[in-house]
Amino acid sequence: MNDMPVFVKVEDYKDALDVMNMIRLKIEDAKKTLEKVHELKSEEETELELWHATIEEVERKIDFIDKTLSEPGAM
């Protein structure tokens, strides 16, 4: 393109600035939303790990009870 100056009406320029500011605000909102999603995902992962550990503990206890009950002379 050539290096000729571009003339824009002042009101169009102000409208363009307003649109740019609105876009910046939307980007900031998107960043905040994404951060919240990341936090929720992290909390969910922590909760799932806790559930997994609890299930494994219950499974170990059930295995112990099963083994104890199936041993001869256990009762």
C-alpha atoms as a PDB file:
ATOM      1  CA  MET A   1       0.000   0.000   0.000  1.00  0.00           C
ATOM      2  CA  ASN A   2       1.036   3.567  -0.373  1.00  0.00           C
ATOM      3  CA  ASP A   3       1.964   5.875   2.469  1.00  0.00           C
ATOM      4  CA  MET A   4      -0.791   8.370   1.834  1.00  0.00           C
ATOM      5  CA  PRO A   5      -2.498   9.760   4.941  1.00  0.00           C
ATOM      6  CA  VAL A   6      -5.893   8.329   5.792  1.00  0.00           C
ATOM      7  CA  PHE A   7      -8.583  10.819   6.715  1.00  0.00           C
ATOM      8  CA  VAL A   8     -11.349   9.681   9.035  1.00  0.00           C
ATOM      9  CA  LYS A   9     -14.244  11.674  10.410  1.00  0.00           C
ATOM     10  CA  VAL A  10     -13.759  12.516  14.071  1.00  0.00           C
ATOM     11  CA  GLU A  11     -17.034  10.824  15.018  1.00  0.00           C
ATOM     12  CA  ASP A  12     -15.997   7.661  13.135  1.00  0.00           C
ATOM     13  CA  TYR A  13     -12.647   7.752  14.938  1.00  0.00           C
ATOM     14  CA  LYS A  14     -14.409   8.060  18.299  1.00  0.00           C
ATOM     15  CA  ASP A  15     -16.704   5.176  17.353  1.00  0.00           C
ATOM     16  CA  ALA A  16     -13.663   3.081  16.459  1.00  0.00           C
ATOM     17  CA  LEU A  17     -12.064   3.906  19.820  1.00  0.00           C
ATOM     18  CA  ASP A  18     -15.293   2.956  21.611  1.00  0.00           C
ATOM     19  CA  VAL A  19     -15.381  -0.362  19.772  1.00  0.00           C
ATOM     20  CA  MET A  20     -11.730  -1.021  20.651  1.00  0.00           C
ATOM     21  CA  ASN A  21     -12.435  -0.291  24.324  1.00  0.00           C
ATOM     22  CA  MET A  22     -15.455  -2.590  24.242  1.00  0.00           C
ATOM     23  CA  ILE A  23     -13.307  -5.339  22.705  1.00  0.00           C
ATOM     24  CA  ARG A  24     -10.693  -4.868  25.434  1.00  0.00           C
ATOM     25  CA  LEU A  25     -13.401  -5.194  28.097  1.00  0.00           C
ATOM     26  CA  LYS A  26     -14.738  -8.370  26.465  1.00  0.00           C
ATOM     27  CA  ILE A  27     -11.225  -9.826  26.354  1.00  0.00           C
ATOM     28  CA  GLU A  28     -10.777  -9.022  30.049  1.00  0.00           C
ATOM     29  CA  ASP A  29     -14.114 -10.707  30.824  1.00  0.00           C
ATOM     30  CA  ALA A  30     -13.038 -13.754  28.816  1.00  0.00           C
ATOM     31  CA  LYS A  31      -9.751 -13.939  30.746  1.00  0.00           C
ATOM     32  CA  LYS A  32     -11.599 -13.781  34.073  1.00  0.00           C
ATOM     33  CA  THR A  33     -14.032 -16.473  32.950  1.00  0.00           C
ATOM     34  CA  LEU A  34     -11.187 -18.691  31.782  1.00  0.00           C
ATOM     35  CA  GLU A  35      -9.392 -18.246  35.110  1.00  0.00           C
ATOM     36  CA  LYS A  36     -12.578 -19.206  36.984  1.00  0.00           C
ATOM     37  CA  VAL A  37     -12.959 -22.304  34.787  1.00  0.00           C
ATOM     38  CA  HIS A  38      -9.342 -23.218  35.560  1.00  0.00           C
ATOM     39  CA  GLU A  39      -9.971 -22.819  39.304  1.00  0.00           C
ATOM     40  CA  LEU A  40     -13.104 -24.976  39.119  1.00  0.00           C
ATOM     41  CA  LYS A  41     -11.256 -27.626  37.129  1.00  0.00           C
ATOM     42  CA  SER A  42      -8.507 -27.690  39.753  1.00  0.00           C
ATOM     43  CA  GLU A  43     -11.061 -28.016  42.563  1.00  0.00           C
ATOM     44  CA  GLU A  44     -12.818 -30.782  40.636  1.00  0.00           C
ATOM     45  CA  GLU A  45      -9.542 -32.668  40.160  1.00  0.00           C
ATOM     46  CA  THR A  46      -8.802 -32.420  43.889  1.00  0.00           C
ATOM     47  CA  GLU A  47     -12.278 -33.720  44.720  1.00  0.00           C
ATOM     48  CA  LEU A  48     -11.969 -36.606  42.254  1.00  0.00           C
ATOM     49  CA  GLU A  49      -8.613 -37.610  43.747  1.00  0.00           C
ATOM     50  CA  LEU A  50     -10.223 -37.647  47.195  1.00  0.00           C
ATOM     51  CA  TRP A  51     -13.085 -39.824  45.940  1.00  0.00           C
ATOM     52  CA  HIS A  52     -10.606 -42.186  44.297  1.00  0.00           C
ATOM     53  CA  ALA A  53      -8.600 -42.502  47.515  1.00  0.00           C
ATOM     54  CA  THR A  54     -11.783 -43.127  49.517  1.00  0.00           C
ATOM     55  CA  ILE A  55     -12.937 -45.838  47.123  1.00  0.00           C
ATOM     56  CA  GLU A  56      -9.525 -47.519  47.283  1.00  0.00           C
ATOM     57  CA  GLU A  57      -9.630 -47.426  51.093  1.00  0.00           C
ATOM     58  CA  VAL A  58     -13.106 -48.987  51.159  1.00  0.00           C
ATOM     59  CA  GLU A  59     -11.936 -51.609  48.670  1.00  0.00           C
ATOM     60  CA  ARG A  60      -8.944 -52.504  50.896  1.00  0.00           C
ATOM     61  CA  LYS A  61     -11.223 -52.830  53.909  1.00  0.00           C
ATOM     62  CA  ILE A  62     -13.663 -55.041  51.978  1.00  0.00           C
ATOM     63  CA  ASP A  63     -10.749 -57.220  50.817  1.00  0.00           C
ATOM     64  CA  PHE A  64      -9.526 -57.516  54.418  1.00  0.00           C
ATOM     65  CA  ILE A  65     -12.997 -58.465  55.658  1.00  0.00           C
ATOM     66  CA  ASP A  66     -13.406 -60.972  52.836  1.00  0.00           C
ATOM     67  CA  LYS A  67     -10.009 -62.513  53.577  1.00  0.00           C
ATOM     68  CA  THR A  68     -10.726 -62.654  57.307  1.00  0.00           C
ATOM     69  CA  LEU A  69     -14.121 -64.292  56.790  1.00  0.00           C
ATOM     70  CA  SER A  70     -12.789 -66.847  54.331  1.00  0.00           C
ATOM     71  CA  GLU A  71      -9.904 -68.044  56.529  1.00  0.00           C
ATOM     72  CA  PRO A  72     -10.541 -71.367  58.245  1.00  0.00           C
ATOM     73  CA  GLY A  73     -11.253 -70.954  61.932  1.00  0.00           C
ATOM     74  CA  ALA A  74     -11.705 -67.220  61.652  1.00  0.00           C
ATOM     75  CA  MET A  75     -15.077 -67.452  63.331  1.00  0.00           C
END
